[in-house]
Amino acid sequence: MKISNMVIPHHFVVQLYRVVENINAAAVSEDELCGFKRQEMYSGTLASSVAPYGRHVFLCYKSHETWLPRVESEGLPHRFAKSFKDRRADFAVETKLTVCGGGGESDGDVLVFPDMIRYK
């Protein structure tokens, strides 16, 4: 690139272009990055994307901030997941297990759906 008699090195032009491009870029909201306004939202159908099952058990355990990278690797979630897996053959219907945050106040509430049962 040449401005009047001055020659500007190519790498400087590329850096300048990147700065101008970032200044002109529209601010992206968190909802556009992670929420319901993501570009891929509503681009496919959700119907039939999960195989049907009979029951879903949720272990509400403390807060996700206190969890290990694999929450079921020790403590109550580990014992619960192990006993759940060991007894799976005894279940009358296919049952899923999910460990979820309990809002920091729950040390192991169990919710069973669609039966609408809660164990404290």
PDB file of N, CA and C in Angstrom:
ATOM      1  N   MET A   1       0.855  -1.172   0.000  1.00  0.00           N
ATOM      2  CA  MET A   1       0.000   0.000   0.000  1.00  0.00           C
ATOM      3  C   MET A   1       0.897   1.229   0.000  1.00  0.00           C
ATOM      4  N   LYS A   2       0.485   2.248  -0.744  1.00  0.00           N
ATOM      5  CA  LYS A   2       1.297   3.453  -0.828  1.00  0.00           C
ATOM      6  C   LYS A   2       0.408   4.671  -0.609  1.00  0.00           C
ATOM      7  N   ILE A   3       0.785   5.502   0.355  1.00  0.00           N
ATOM      8  CA  ILE A   3       0.062   6.754   0.594  1.00  0.00           C
ATOM      9  C   ILE A   3       1.023   7.866   0.235  1.00  0.00           C
ATOM     10  N   SER A   4       0.659   8.651  -0.761  1.00  0.00           N
ATOM     11  CA  SER A   4       1.519   9.672  -1.370  1.00  0.00           C
ATOM     12  C   SER A   4       2.906   9.068  -1.581  1.00  0.00           C
ATOM     13  N   ASN A   5       3.924   9.535  -0.938  1.00  0.00           N
ATOM     14  CA  ASN A   5       5.275   9.011  -1.146  1.00  0.00           C
ATOM     15  C   ASN A   5       5.693   8.032  -0.056  1.00  0.00           C
ATOM     16  N   MET A   6       4.805   7.745   0.879  1.00  0.00           N
ATOM     17  CA  MET A   6       5.159   6.885   1.991  1.00  0.00           C
ATOM     18  C   MET A   6       4.715   5.447   1.695  1.00  0.00           C
ATOM     19  N   VAL A   7       5.567   4.482   1.946  1.00  0.00           N
ATOM     20  CA  VAL A   7       5.248   3.074   1.748  1.00  0.00           C
ATOM     21  C   VAL A   7       4.975   2.453   3.118  1.00  0.00           C
ATOM     22  N   ILE A   8       3.829   1.799   3.236  1.00  0.00           N
ATOM     23  CA  ILE A   8       3.445   1.173   4.493  1.00  0.00           C
ATOM     24  C   ILE A   8       3.641  -0.337   4.347  1.00  0.00           C
ATOM     25  N   PRO A   9       4.392  -0.946   5.249  1.00  0.00           N
ATOM     26  CA  PRO A   9       4.620  -2.392   5.164  1.00  0.00           C
ATOM     27  C   PRO A   9       3.310  -3.173   5.233  1.00  0.00           C
ATOM     28  N   HIS A  10       3.282  -4.309   4.554  1.00  0.00           N
ATOM     29  CA  HIS A  10       2.086  -5.145   4.451  1.00  0.00           C
ATOM     30  C   HIS A  10       1.586  -5.603   5.832  1.00  0.00           C
ATOM     31  N   HIS A  11       2.496  -6.033   6.733  1.00  0.00           N
ATOM     32  CA  HIS A  11       2.064  -6.523   8.043  1.00  0.00           C
ATOM     33  C   HIS A  11       1.379  -5.432   8.852  1.00  0.00           C
ATOM     34  N   PHE A  12       1.774  -4.186   8.658  1.00  0.00           N
ATOM     35  CA  PHE A  12       1.125  -3.070   9.346  1.00  0.00           C
ATOM     36  C   PHE A  12      -0.283  -2.862   8.808  1.00  0.00           C
ATOM     37  N   VAL A  13      -0.453  -2.999   7.512  1.00  0.00           N
ATOM     38  CA  VAL A  13      -1.773  -2.845   6.888  1.00  0.00           C
ATOM     39  C   VAL A  13      -2.720  -3.933   7.409  1.00  0.00           C
ATOM     40  N   VAL A  14      -2.212  -5.153   7.523  1.00  0.00           N
ATOM     41  CA  VAL A  14      -3.040  -6.253   8.021  1.00  0.00           C
ATOM     42  C   VAL A  14      -3.471  -5.974   9.462  1.00  0.00           C
ATOM     43  N   GLN A  15      -2.539  -5.525  10.320  1.00  0.00           N
ATOM     44  CA  GLN A  15      -2.873  -5.207  11.708  1.00  0.00           C
ATOM     45  C   GLN A  15      -3.894  -4.069  11.776  1.00  0.00           C
ATOM     46  N   LEU A  16      -3.699  -3.047  10.965  1.00  0.00           N
ATOM     47  CA  LEU A  16      -4.611  -1.911  10.932  1.00  0.00           C
ATOM     48  C   LEU A  16      -6.008  -2.367  10.510  1.00  0.00           C
ATOM     49  N   TYR A  17      -6.071  -3.252   9.518  1.00  0.00           N
ATOM     50  CA  TYR A  17      -7.345  -3.776   9.051  1.00  0.00           C
ATOM     51  C   TYR A  17      -8.066  -4.517  10.188  1.00  0.00           C
ATOM     52  N   ARG A  18      -7.324  -5.339  10.959  1.00  0.00           N
ATOM     53  CA  ARG A  18      -7.922  -6.081  12.067  1.00  0.00           C
ATOM     54  C   ARG A  18      -8.483  -5.138  13.128  1.00  0.00           C
ATOM     55  N   VAL A  19      -7.776  -4.058  13.427  1.00  0.00           N
ATOM     56  CA  VAL A  19      -8.252  -3.086  14.412  1.00  0.00           C
ATOM     57  C   VAL A  19      -9.536  -2.436  13.926  1.00  0.00           C
ATOM     58  N   VAL A  20      -9.562  -1.995  12.679  1.00  0.00           N
ATOM     59  CA  VAL A  20     -10.753  -1.356  12.104  1.00  0.00           C
ATOM     60  C   VAL A  20     -11.904  -2.349  12.070  1.00  0.00           C
ATOM     61  N   GLU A  21     -11.620  -3.602  11.712  1.00  0.00           N
ATOM     62  CA  GLU A  21     -12.653  -4.626  11.669  1.00  0.00           C
ATOM     63  C   GLU A  21     -13.265  -4.837  13.059  1.00  0.00           C
ATOM     64  N   ASN A  22     -12.447  -4.874  14.117  1.00  0.00           N
ATOM     65  CA  ASN A  22     -12.947  -5.051  15.470  1.00  0.00           C
ATOM     66  C   ASN A  22     -13.762  -3.848  15.938  1.00  0.00           C
ATOM     67  N   ILE A  23     -13.359  -2.649  15.541  1.00  0.00           N
ATOM     68  CA  ILE A  23     -14.105  -1.450  15.921  1.00  0.00           C
ATOM     69  C   ILE A  23     -15.478  -1.448  15.260  1.00  0.00           C
ATOM     70  N   ASN A  24     -15.533  -1.902  14.010  1.00  0.00           N
ATOM     71  CA  ASN A  24     -16.791  -1.891  13.263  1.00  0.00           C
ATOM     72  C   ASN A  24     -17.698  -3.077  13.608  1.00  0.00           C
ATOM     73  N   ALA A  25     -17.163  -4.079  14.278  1.00  0.00           N
ATOM     74  CA  ALA A  25     -17.968  -5.253  14.628  1.00  0.00           C
ATOM     75  C   ALA A  25     -19.027  -4.870  15.661  1.00  0.00           C
ATOM     76  N   ALA A  26     -20.226  -5.399  15.474  1.00  0.00           N
ATOM     77  CA  ALA A  26     -21.307  -5.135  16.413  1.00  0.00           C
ATOM     78  C   ALA A  26     -21.061  -5.930  17.693  1.00  0.00           C
ATOM     79  N   ALA A  27     -21.405  -5.339  18.801  1.00  0.00           N
ATOM     80  CA  ALA A  27     -21.264  -6.047  20.072  1.00  0.00           C
ATOM     81  C   ALA A  27     -22.211  -7.243  20.081  1.00  0.00           C
ATOM     82  N   VAL A  28     -21.730  -8.389  20.540  1.00  0.00           N
ATOM     83  CA  VAL A  28     -22.529  -9.606  20.569  1.00  0.00           C
ATOM     84  C   VAL A  28     -22.948  -9.870  22.011  1.00  0.00           C
ATOM     85  N   SER A  29     -24.247 -10.041  22.201  1.00  0.00           N
ATOM     86  CA  SER A  29     -24.756 -10.280  23.552  1.00  0.00           C
ATOM     87  C   SER A  29     -24.489 -11.721  23.972  1.00  0.00           C
ATOM     88  N   GLU A  30     -24.562 -11.955  25.267  1.00  0.00           N
ATOM     89  CA  GLU A  30     -24.369 -13.313  25.785  1.00  0.00           C
ATOM     90  C   GLU A  30     -25.457 -14.239  25.261  1.00  0.00           C
ATOM     91  N   ASP A  31     -26.666 -13.706  25.084  1.00  0.00           N
ATOM     92  CA  ASP A  31     -27.770 -14.504  24.563  1.00  0.00           C
ATOM     93  C   ASP A  31     -27.496 -14.957  23.131  1.00  0.00           C
ATOM     94  N   GLU A  32     -26.805 -14.120  22.350  1.00  0.00           N
ATOM     95  CA  GLU A  32     -26.458 -14.484  20.979  1.00  0.00           C
ATOM     96  C   GLU A  32     -25.333 -15.518  20.945  1.00  0.00           C
ATOM     97  N   LEU A  33     -24.500 -15.536  21.975  1.00  0.00           N
ATOM     98  CA  LEU A  33     -23.414 -16.515  22.041  1.00  0.00           C
ATOM     99  C   LEU A  33     -23.862 -17.839  22.641  1.00  0.00           C
ATOM    100  N   CYS A  34     -24.660 -17.775  23.721  1.00  0.00           N
ATOM    101  CA  CYS A  34     -24.982 -18.982  24.485  1.00  0.00           C
ATOM    102  C   CYS A  34     -26.468 -19.252  24.635  1.00  0.00           C
ATOM    103  N   GLY A  35     -27.314 -18.315  24.313  1.00  0.00           N
ATOM    104  CA  GLY A  35     -28.730 -18.453  24.627  1.00  0.00           C
ATOM    105  C   GLY A  35     -29.606 -18.794  23.439  1.00  0.00           C
ATOM    106  N   PHE A  36     -30.860 -18.393  23.541  1.00  0.00           N
ATOM    107  CA  PHE A  36     -31.855 -18.724  22.529  1.00  0.00           C
ATOM    108  C   PHE A  36     -31.705 -17.931  21.236  1.00  0.00           C
ATOM    109  N   LYS A  37     -30.827 -16.950  21.207  1.00  0.00           N
ATOM    110  CA  LYS A  37     -30.616 -16.167  19.988  1.00  0.00           C
ATOM    111  C   LYS A  37     -29.390 -16.639  19.203  1.00  0.00           C
ATOM    112  N   ARG A  38     -28.836 -17.838  19.583  1.00  0.00           N
ATOM    113  CA  ARG A  38     -27.700 -18.393  18.843  1.00  0.00           C
ATOM    114  C   ARG A  38     -28.100 -18.637  17.397  1.00  0.00           C
ATOM    115  N   GLN A  39     -27.146 -18.552  16.515  1.00  0.00           N
ATOM    116  CA  GLN A  39     -27.402 -18.702  15.091  1.00  0.00           C
ATOM    117  C   GLN A  39     -28.022 -20.064  14.755  1.00  0.00           C
ATOM    118  N   GLU A  40     -27.578 -21.128  15.440  1.00  0.00           N
ATOM    119  CA  GLU A  40     -28.069 -22.461  15.108  1.00  0.00           C
ATOM    120  C   GLU A  40     -29.432 -22.786  15.729  1.00  0.00           C
ATOM    121  N   MET A  41     -29.938 -21.908  16.606  1.00  0.00           N
ATOM    122  CA  MET A  41     -31.240 -22.169  17.221  1.00  0.00           C
ATOM    123  C   MET A  41     -32.327 -22.195  16.163  1.00  0.00           C
ATOM    124  N   TYR A  42     -33.249 -23.111  16.336  1.00  0.00           N
ATOM    125  CA  TYR A  42     -34.416 -23.272  15.472  1.00  0.00           C
ATOM    126  C   TYR A  42     -34.043 -23.676  14.048  1.00  0.00           C
ATOM    127  N   SER A  43     -32.804 -24.145  13.844  1.00  0.00           N
ATOM    128  CA  SER A  43     -32.397 -24.557  12.505  1.00  0.00           C
ATOM    129  C   SER A  43     -32.732 -26.023  12.251  1.00  0.00           C
ATOM    130  N   GLY A  44     -33.048 -26.766  13.294  1.00  0.00           N
ATOM    131  CA  GLY A  44     -33.409 -28.171  13.153  1.00  0.00           C
ATOM    132  C   GLY A  44     -34.592 -28.482  14.040  1.00  0.00           C
ATOM    133  N   THR A  45     -35.099 -29.698  13.908  1.00  0.00           N
ATOM    134  CA  THR A  45     -36.238 -30.078  14.738  1.00  0.00           C
ATOM    135  C   THR A  45     -35.755 -30.869  15.943  1.00  0.00           C
ATOM    136  N   LEU A  46     -36.420 -30.681  17.059  1.00  0.00           N
ATOM    137  CA  LEU A  46     -36.093 -31.410  18.273  1.00  0.00           C
ATOM    138  C   LEU A  46     -36.906 -32.692  18.401  1.00  0.00           C
ATOM    139  N   ALA A  47     -38.033 -32.738  17.712  1.00  0.00           N
ATOM    140  CA  ALA A  47     -38.881 -33.923  17.789  1.00  0.00           C
ATOM    141  C   ALA A  47     -38.090 -35.153  17.368  1.00  0.00           C
ATOM    142  N   SER A  48     -38.172 -36.198  18.154  1.00  0.00           N
ATOM    143  CA  SER A  48     -37.493 -37.479  17.912  1.00  0.00           C
ATOM    144  C   SER A  48     -35.980 -37.405  18.040  1.00  0.00           C
ATOM    145  N   SER A  49     -35.446 -36.337  18.626  1.00  0.00           N
ATOM    146  CA  SER A  49     -33.993 -36.237  18.796  1.00  0.00           C
ATOM    147  C   SER A  49     -33.517 -36.993  20.033  1.00  0.00           C
ATOM    148  N   VAL A  50     -34.437 -37.371  20.919  1.00  0.00           N
ATOM    149  CA  VAL A  50     -34.119 -38.170  22.104  1.00  0.00           C
ATOM    150  C   VAL A  50     -35.038 -39.380  22.097  1.00  0.00           C
ATOM    151  N   ALA A  51     -34.444 -40.538  22.279  1.00  0.00           N
ATOM    152  CA  ALA A  51     -35.251 -41.759  22.317  1.00  0.00           C
ATOM    153  C   ALA A  51     -36.156 -41.729  23.553  1.00  0.00           C
ATOM    154  N   PRO A  52     -37.368 -42.252  23.439  1.00  0.00           N
ATOM    155  CA  PRO A  52     -38.275 -42.237  24.590  1.00  0.00           C
ATOM    156  C   PRO A  52     -37.776 -43.135  25.721  1.00  0.00           C
ATOM    157  N   TYR A  53     -38.084 -42.761  26.932  1.00  0.00           N
ATOM    158  CA  TYR A  53     -37.756 -43.560  28.112  1.00  0.00           C
ATOM    159  C   TYR A  53     -38.862 -43.358  29.135  1.00  0.00           C
ATOM    160  N   GLY A  54     -38.933 -44.239  30.118  1.00  0.00           N
ATOM    161  CA  GLY A  54     -40.063 -44.248  31.038  1.00  0.00           C
ATOM    162  C   GLY A  54     -39.948 -43.357  32.251  1.00  0.00           C
ATOM    163  N   ARG A  55     -38.724 -43.143  32.749  1.00  0.00           N
ATOM    164  CA  ARG A  55     -38.566 -42.409  33.999  1.00  0.00           C
ATOM    165  C   ARG A  55     -37.258 -41.633  33.971  1.00  0.00           C
ATOM    166  N   HIS A  56     -37.250 -40.502  34.681  1.00  0.00           N
ATOM    167  CA  HIS A  56     -36.040 -39.688  34.797  1.00  0.00           C
ATOM    168  C   HIS A  56     -35.848 -39.352  36.272  1.00  0.00           C
ATOM    169  N   VAL A  57     -34.682 -39.713  36.799  1.00  0.00           N
ATOM    170  CA  VAL A  57     -34.355 -39.466  38.196  1.00  0.00           C
ATOM    171  C   VAL A  57     -33.296 -38.368  38.254  1.00  0.00           C
ATOM    172  N   PHE A  58     -33.548 -37.352  39.064  1.00  0.00           N
ATOM    173  CA  PHE A  58     -32.600 -36.249  39.248  1.00  0.00           C
ATOM    174  C   PHE A  58     -32.075 -36.290  40.673  1.00  0.00           C
ATOM    175  N   LEU A  59     -30.760 -36.289  40.825  1.00  0.00           N
ATOM    176  CA  LEU A  59     -30.133 -36.145  42.132  1.00  0.00           C
ATOM    177  C   LEU A  59     -29.712 -34.688  42.251  1.00  0.00           C
ATOM    178  N   CYS A  60     -30.390 -33.926  43.081  1.00  0.00           N
ATOM    179  CA  CYS A  60     -30.067 -32.509  43.285  1.00  0.00           C
ATOM    180  C   CYS A  60     -28.993 -32.432  44.350  1.00  0.00           C
ATOM    181  N   TYR A  61     -27.782 -32.045  43.937  1.00  0.00           N
ATOM    182  CA  TYR A  61     -26.640 -32.126  44.834  1.00  0.00           C
ATOM    183  C   TYR A  61     -25.867 -30.824  44.873  1.00  0.00           C
ATOM    184  N   LYS A  62     -25.920 -30.151  45.984  1.00  0.00           N
ATOM    185  CA  LYS A  62     -25.172 -28.928  46.250  1.00  0.00           C
ATOM    186  C   LYS A  62     -25.231 -27.962  45.075  1.00  0.00           C
ATOM    187  N   SER A  63     -24.105 -27.325  44.781  1.00  0.00           N
ATOM    188  CA  SER A  63     -24.036 -26.353  43.692  1.00  0.00           C
ATOM    189  C   SER A  63     -22.957 -26.770  42.706  1.00  0.00           C
ATOM    190  N   HIS A  64     -23.174 -26.500  41.433  1.00  0.00           N
ATOM    191  CA  HIS A  64     -22.195 -26.907  40.421  1.00  0.00           C
ATOM    192  C   HIS A  64     -20.817 -26.289  40.660  1.00  0.00           C
ATOM    193  N   GLU A  65     -20.751 -25.173  41.418  1.00  0.00           N
ATOM    194  CA  GLU A  65     -19.450 -24.556  41.703  1.00  0.00           C
ATOM    195  C   GLU A  65     -18.576 -25.439  42.595  1.00  0.00           C
ATOM    196  N   THR A  66     -19.190 -26.330  43.367  1.00  0.00           N
ATOM    197  CA  THR A  66     -18.427 -27.197  44.274  1.00  0.00           C
ATOM    198  C   THR A  66     -18.126 -28.559  43.666  1.00  0.00           C
ATOM    199  N   TRP A  67     -18.643 -28.831  42.472  1.00  0.00           N
ATOM    200  CA  TRP A  67     -18.471 -30.138  41.861  1.00  0.00           C
ATOM    201  C   TRP A  67     -17.055 -30.334  41.332  1.00  0.00           C
ATOM    202  N   LEU A  68     -16.635 -31.595  41.306  1.00  0.00           N
ATOM    203  CA  LEU A  68     -15.412 -31.990  40.611  1.00  0.00           C
ATOM    204  C   LEU A  68     -15.705 -31.992  39.107  1.00  0.00           C
ATOM    205  N   PRO A  69     -14.669 -32.064  38.248  1.00  0.00           N
ATOM    206  CA  PRO A  69     -14.936 -32.101  36.799  1.00  0.00           C
ATOM    207  C   PRO A  69     -15.910 -33.217  36.405  1.00  0.00           C
ATOM    208  N   ARG A  70     -15.841 -34.368  37.069  1.00  0.00           N
ATOM    209  CA  ARG A  70     -16.823 -35.446  36.876  1.00  0.00           C
ATOM    210  C   ARG A  70     -17.541 -35.608  38.211  1.00  0.00           C
ATOM    211  N   VAL A  71     -18.677 -34.975  38.339  1.00  0.00           N
ATOM    212  CA  VAL A  71     -19.382 -34.891  39.624  1.00  0.00           C
ATOM    213  C   VAL A  71     -19.655 -36.266  40.218  1.00  0.00           C
ATOM    214  N   GLU A  72     -19.833 -37.266  39.366  1.00  0.00           N
ATOM    215  CA  GLU A  72     -20.160 -38.596  39.878  1.00  0.00           C
ATOM    216  C   GLU A  72     -18.923 -39.413  40.249  1.00  0.00           C
ATOM    217  N   SER A  73     -17.757 -38.780  40.329  1.00  0.00           N
ATOM    218  CA  SER A  73     -16.529 -39.529  40.612  1.00  0.00           C
ATOM    219  C   SER A  73     -16.273 -39.762  42.098  1.00  0.00           C
ATOM    220  N   GLU A  74     -16.961 -39.076  42.996  1.00  0.00           N
ATOM    221  CA  GLU A  74     -16.797 -39.351  44.429  1.00  0.00           C
ATOM    222  C   GLU A  74     -17.980 -38.810  45.218  1.00  0.00           C
ATOM    223  N   GLY A  75     -18.040 -39.190  46.469  1.00  0.00           N
ATOM    224  CA  GLY A  75     -19.089 -38.697  47.356  1.00  0.00           C
ATOM    225  C   GLY A  75     -20.454 -39.279  47.046  1.00  0.00           C
ATOM    226  N   LEU A  76     -21.491 -38.560  47.461  1.00  0.00           N
ATOM    227  CA  LEU A  76     -22.867 -39.015  47.275  1.00  0.00           C
ATOM    228  C   LEU A  76     -23.212 -39.267  45.807  1.00  0.00           C
ATOM    229  N   PRO A  77     -22.875 -38.380  44.873  1.00  0.00           N
ATOM    230  CA  PRO A  77     -23.193 -38.673  43.467  1.00  0.00           C
ATOM    231  C   PRO A  77     -22.555 -39.980  42.983  1.00  0.00           C
ATOM    232  N   HIS A  78     -21.334 -40.259  43.444  1.00  0.00           N
ATOM    233  CA  HIS A  78     -20.663 -41.501  43.048  1.00  0.00           C
ATOM    234  C   HIS A  78     -21.424 -42.720  43.582  1.00  0.00           C
ATOM    235  N   ARG A  79     -21.756 -42.694  44.861  1.00  0.00           N
ATOM    236  CA  ARG A  79     -22.481 -43.820  45.459  1.00  0.00           C
ATOM    237  C   ARG A  79     -23.856 -44.006  44.818  1.00  0.00           C
ATOM    238  N   PHE A  80     -24.544 -42.886  44.566  1.00  0.00           N
ATOM    239  CA  PHE A  80     -25.875 -42.948  43.969  1.00  0.00           C
ATOM    240  C   PHE A  80     -25.800 -43.495  42.545  1.00  0.00           C
ATOM    241  N   ALA A  81     -24.856 -42.989  41.735  1.00  0.00           N
ATOM    242  CA  ALA A  81     -24.720 -43.458  40.350  1.00  0.00           C
ATOM    243  C   ALA A  81     -24.336 -44.929  40.300  1.00  0.00           C
ATOM    244  N   LYS A  82     -23.460 -45.353  41.211  1.00  0.00           N
ATOM    245  CA  LYS A  82     -23.042 -46.756  41.236  1.00  0.00           C
ATOM    246  C   LYS A  82     -24.210 -47.667  41.586  1.00  0.00           C
ATOM    247  N   SER A  83     -24.952 -47.332  42.631  1.00  0.00           N
ATOM    248  CA  SER A  83     -26.092 -48.181  43.009  1.00  0.00           C
ATOM    249  C   SER A  83     -27.179 -48.145  41.930  1.00  0.00           C
ATOM    250  N   PHE A  84     -27.347 -46.997  41.291  1.00  0.00           N
ATOM    251  CA  PHE A  84     -28.307 -46.861  40.190  1.00  0.00           C
ATOM    252  C   PHE A  84     -27.920 -47.806  39.052  1.00  0.00           C
ATOM    253  N   LYS A  85     -26.640 -47.802  38.689  1.00  0.00           N
ATOM    254  CA  LYS A  85     -26.146 -48.654  37.599  1.00  0.00           C
ATOM    255  C   LYS A  85     -26.243 -50.130  37.974  1.00  0.00           C
ATOM    256  N   ASP A  86     -25.921 -50.471  39.227  1.00  0.00           N
ATOM    257  CA  ASP A  86     -25.981 -51.867  39.684  1.00  0.00           C
ATOM    258  C   ASP A  86     -27.400 -52.422  39.671  1.00  0.00           C
ATOM    259  N   ARG A  87     -28.407 -51.567  39.895  1.00  0.00           N
ATOM    260  CA  ARG A  87     -29.808 -52.012  39.972  1.00  0.00           C
ATOM    261  C   ARG A  87     -30.585 -51.778  38.691  1.00  0.00           C
ATOM    262  N   ARG A  88     -29.923 -51.295  37.646  1.00  0.00           N
ATOM    263  CA  ARG A  88     -30.615 -50.941  36.399  1.00  0.00           C
ATOM    264  C   ARG A  88     -31.468 -52.089  35.862  1.00  0.00           C
ATOM    265  N   ALA A  89     -31.000 -53.319  35.963  1.00  0.00           N
ATOM    266  CA  ALA A  89     -31.754 -54.470  35.449  1.00  0.00           C
ATOM    267  C   ALA A  89     -33.070 -54.676  36.200  1.00  0.00           C
ATOM    268  N   ASP A  90     -33.165 -54.170  37.413  1.00  0.00           N
ATOM    269  CA  ASP A  90     -34.376 -54.329  38.221  1.00  0.00           C
ATOM    270  C   ASP A  90     -35.469 -53.310  37.889  1.00  0.00           C
ATOM    271  N   PHE A  91     -35.133 -52.276  37.127  1.00  0.00           N
ATOM    272  CA  PHE A  91     -36.118 -51.236  36.807  1.00  0.00           C
ATOM    273  C   PHE A  91     -37.126 -51.763  35.792  1.00  0.00           C
ATOM    274  N   ALA A  92     -38.403 -51.468  36.031  1.00  0.00           N
ATOM    275  CA  ALA A  92     -39.466 -51.924  35.134  1.00  0.00           C
ATOM    276  C   ALA A  92     -39.471 -51.150  33.811  1.00  0.00           C
ATOM    277  N   VAL A  93     -39.015 -49.899  33.842  1.00  0.00           N
ATOM    278  CA  VAL A  93     -38.965 -49.071  32.632  1.00  0.00           C
ATOM    279  C   VAL A  93     -37.566 -48.480  32.495  1.00  0.00           C
ATOM    280  N   GLU A  94     -37.201 -48.093  31.269  1.00  0.00           N
ATOM    281  CA  GLU A  94     -35.897 -47.457  31.072  1.00  0.00           C
ATOM    282  C   GLU A  94     -35.851 -46.161  31.866  1.00  0.00           C
ATOM    283  N   THR A  95     -34.785 -45.992  32.636  1.00  0.00           N
ATOM    284  CA  THR A  95     -34.678 -44.860  33.549  1.00  0.00           C
ATOM    285  C   THR A  95     -33.366 -44.133  33.344  1.00  0.00           C
ATOM    286  N   LYS A  96     -33.436 -42.817  33.260  1.00  0.00           N
ATOM    287  CA  LYS A  96     -32.252 -41.961  33.109  1.00  0.00           C
ATOM    288  C   LYS A  96     -31.918 -41.342  34.462  1.00  0.00           C
ATOM    289  N   LEU A  97     -30.624 -41.080  34.672  1.00  0.00           N
ATOM    290  CA  LEU A  97     -30.165 -40.415  35.888  1.00  0.00           C
ATOM    291  C   LEU A  97     -29.416 -39.152  35.512  1.00  0.00           C
ATOM    292  N   THR A  98     -29.746 -38.043  36.176  1.00  0.00           N
ATOM    293  CA  THR A  98     -29.061 -36.775  35.975  1.00  0.00           C
ATOM    294  C   THR A  98     -28.730 -36.174  37.332  1.00  0.00           C
ATOM    295  N   VAL A  99     -27.479 -35.738  37.489  1.00  0.00           N
ATOM    296  CA  VAL A  99     -27.094 -34.990  38.688  1.00  0.00           C
ATOM    297  C   VAL A  99     -27.264 -33.520  38.349  1.00  0.00           C
ATOM    298  N   CYS A 100     -27.992 -32.788  39.187  1.00  0.00           N
ATOM    299  CA  CYS A 100     -28.227 -31.367  38.922  1.00  0.00           C
ATOM    300  C   CYS A 100     -27.929 -30.566  40.185  1.00  0.00           C
ATOM    301  N   GLY A 101     -27.735 -29.281  40.002  1.00  0.00           N
ATOM    302  CA  GLY A 101     -27.479 -28.408  41.140  1.00  0.00           C
ATOM    303  C   GLY A 101     -28.714 -28.270  42.003  1.00  0.00           C
ATOM    304  N   GLY A 102     -28.502 -28.238  43.289  1.00  0.00           N
ATOM    305  CA  GLY A 102     -29.623 -28.119  44.216  1.00  0.00           C
ATOM    306  C   GLY A 102     -29.747 -26.727  44.794  1.00  0.00           C
ATOM    307  N   GLY A 103     -29.110 -25.748  44.159  1.00  0.00           N
ATOM    308  CA  GLY A 103     -29.189 -24.388  44.656  1.00  0.00           C
ATOM    309  C   GLY A 103     -28.329 -24.147  45.874  1.00  0.00           C
ATOM    310  N   GLY A 104     -27.411 -25.076  46.174  1.00  0.00           N
ATOM    311  CA  GLY A 104     -26.514 -24.891  47.297  1.00  0.00           C
ATOM    312  C   GLY A 104     -27.083 -25.355  48.622  1.00  0.00           C
ATOM    313  N   GLU A 105     -28.394 -25.548  48.694  1.00  0.00           N
ATOM    314  CA  GLU A 105     -28.986 -25.930  49.971  1.00  0.00           C
ATOM    315  C   GLU A 105     -29.336 -27.411  50.040  1.00  0.00           C
ATOM    316  N   SER A 106     -29.255 -28.127  48.932  1.00  0.00           N
ATOM    317  CA  SER A 106     -29.617 -29.535  48.930  1.00  0.00           C
ATOM    318  C   SER A 106     -28.374 -30.405  48.910  1.00  0.00           C
ATOM    319  N   ASP A 107     -28.337 -31.367  49.814  1.00  0.00           N
ATOM    320  CA  ASP A 107     -27.227 -32.315  49.837  1.00  0.00           C
ATOM    321  C   ASP A 107     -27.653 -33.671  49.312  1.00  0.00           C
ATOM    322  N   GLY A 108     -28.691 -33.700  48.504  1.00  0.00           N
ATOM    323  CA  GLY A 108     -29.067 -34.972  47.921  1.00  0.00           C
ATOM    324  C   GLY A 108     -30.544 -35.234  47.781  1.00  0.00           C
ATOM    325  N   ASP A 109     -31.349 -34.240  47.461  1.00  0.00           N
ATOM    326  CA  ASP A 109     -32.755 -34.488  47.170  1.00  0.00           C
ATOM    327  C   ASP A 109     -32.837 -35.298  45.876  1.00  0.00           C
ATOM    328  N   VAL A 110     -33.840 -36.177  45.797  1.00  0.00           N
ATOM    329  CA  VAL A 110     -34.050 -36.990  44.605  1.00  0.00           C
ATOM    330  C   VAL A 110     -35.439 -36.683  44.067  1.00  0.00           C
ATOM    331  N   LEU A 111     -35.494 -36.337  42.792  1.00  0.00           N
ATOM    332  CA  LEU A 111     -36.762 -36.064  42.107  1.00  0.00           C
ATOM    333  C   LEU A 111     -36.978 -37.163  41.081  1.00  0.00           C
ATOM    334  N   VAL A 112     -38.204 -37.689  41.002  1.00  0.00           N
ATOM    335  CA  VAL A 112     -38.518 -38.758  40.058  1.00  0.00           C
ATOM    336  C   VAL A 112     -39.659 -38.289  39.169  1.00  0.00           C
ATOM    337  N   PHE A 113     -39.403 -38.283  37.860  1.00  0.00           N
ATOM    338  CA  PHE A 113     -40.412 -37.875  36.879  1.00  0.00           C
ATOM    339  C   PHE A 113     -40.687 -39.042  35.945  1.00  0.00           C
ATOM    340  N   PRO A 114     -41.881 -39.238  35.463  1.00  0.00           N
ATOM    341  CA  PRO A 114     -43.069 -38.403  35.601  1.00  0.00           C
ATOM    342  C   PRO A 114     -43.874 -38.691  36.859  1.00  0.00           C
ATOM    343  N   ASP A 115     -43.327 -39.477  37.766  1.00  0.00           N
ATOM    344  CA  ASP A 115     -44.069 -39.874  38.973  1.00  0.00           C
ATOM    345  C   ASP A 115     -44.315 -38.740  39.947  1.00  0.00           C
ATOM    346  N   MET A 116     -43.593 -37.625  39.776  1.00  0.00           N
ATOM    347  CA  MET A 116     -43.731 -36.448  40.642  1.00  0.00           C
ATOM    348  C   MET A 116     -43.462 -36.808  42.098  1.00  0.00           C
ATOM    349  N   ILE A 117     -42.361 -37.538  42.338  1.00  0.00           N
ATOM    350  CA  ILE A 117     -41.959 -37.936  43.685  1.00  0.00           C
ATOM    351  C   ILE A 117     -40.698 -37.170  44.057  1.00  0.00           C
ATOM    352  N   ARG A 118     -40.658 -36.728  45.309  1.00  0.00           N
ATOM    353  CA  ARG A 118     -39.463 -36.026  45.815  1.00  0.00           C
ATOM    354  C   ARG A 118     -39.049 -36.671  47.131  1.00  0.00           C
ATOM    355  N   TYR A 119     -37.785 -37.071  47.186  1.00  0.00           N
ATOM    356  CA  TYR A 119     -37.213 -37.623  48.414  1.00  0.00           C
ATOM    357  C   TYR A 119     -36.227 -36.609  48.951  1.00  0.00           C
ATOM    358  N   LYS A 120     -36.333 -36.246  50.201  1.00  0.00           N
ATOM    359  CA  LYS A 120     -35.405 -35.294  50.829  1.00  0.00           C
ATOM    360  C   LYS A 120     -34.395 -36.046  51.653  1.00  0.00           C
TER     361      LYS A 120
END
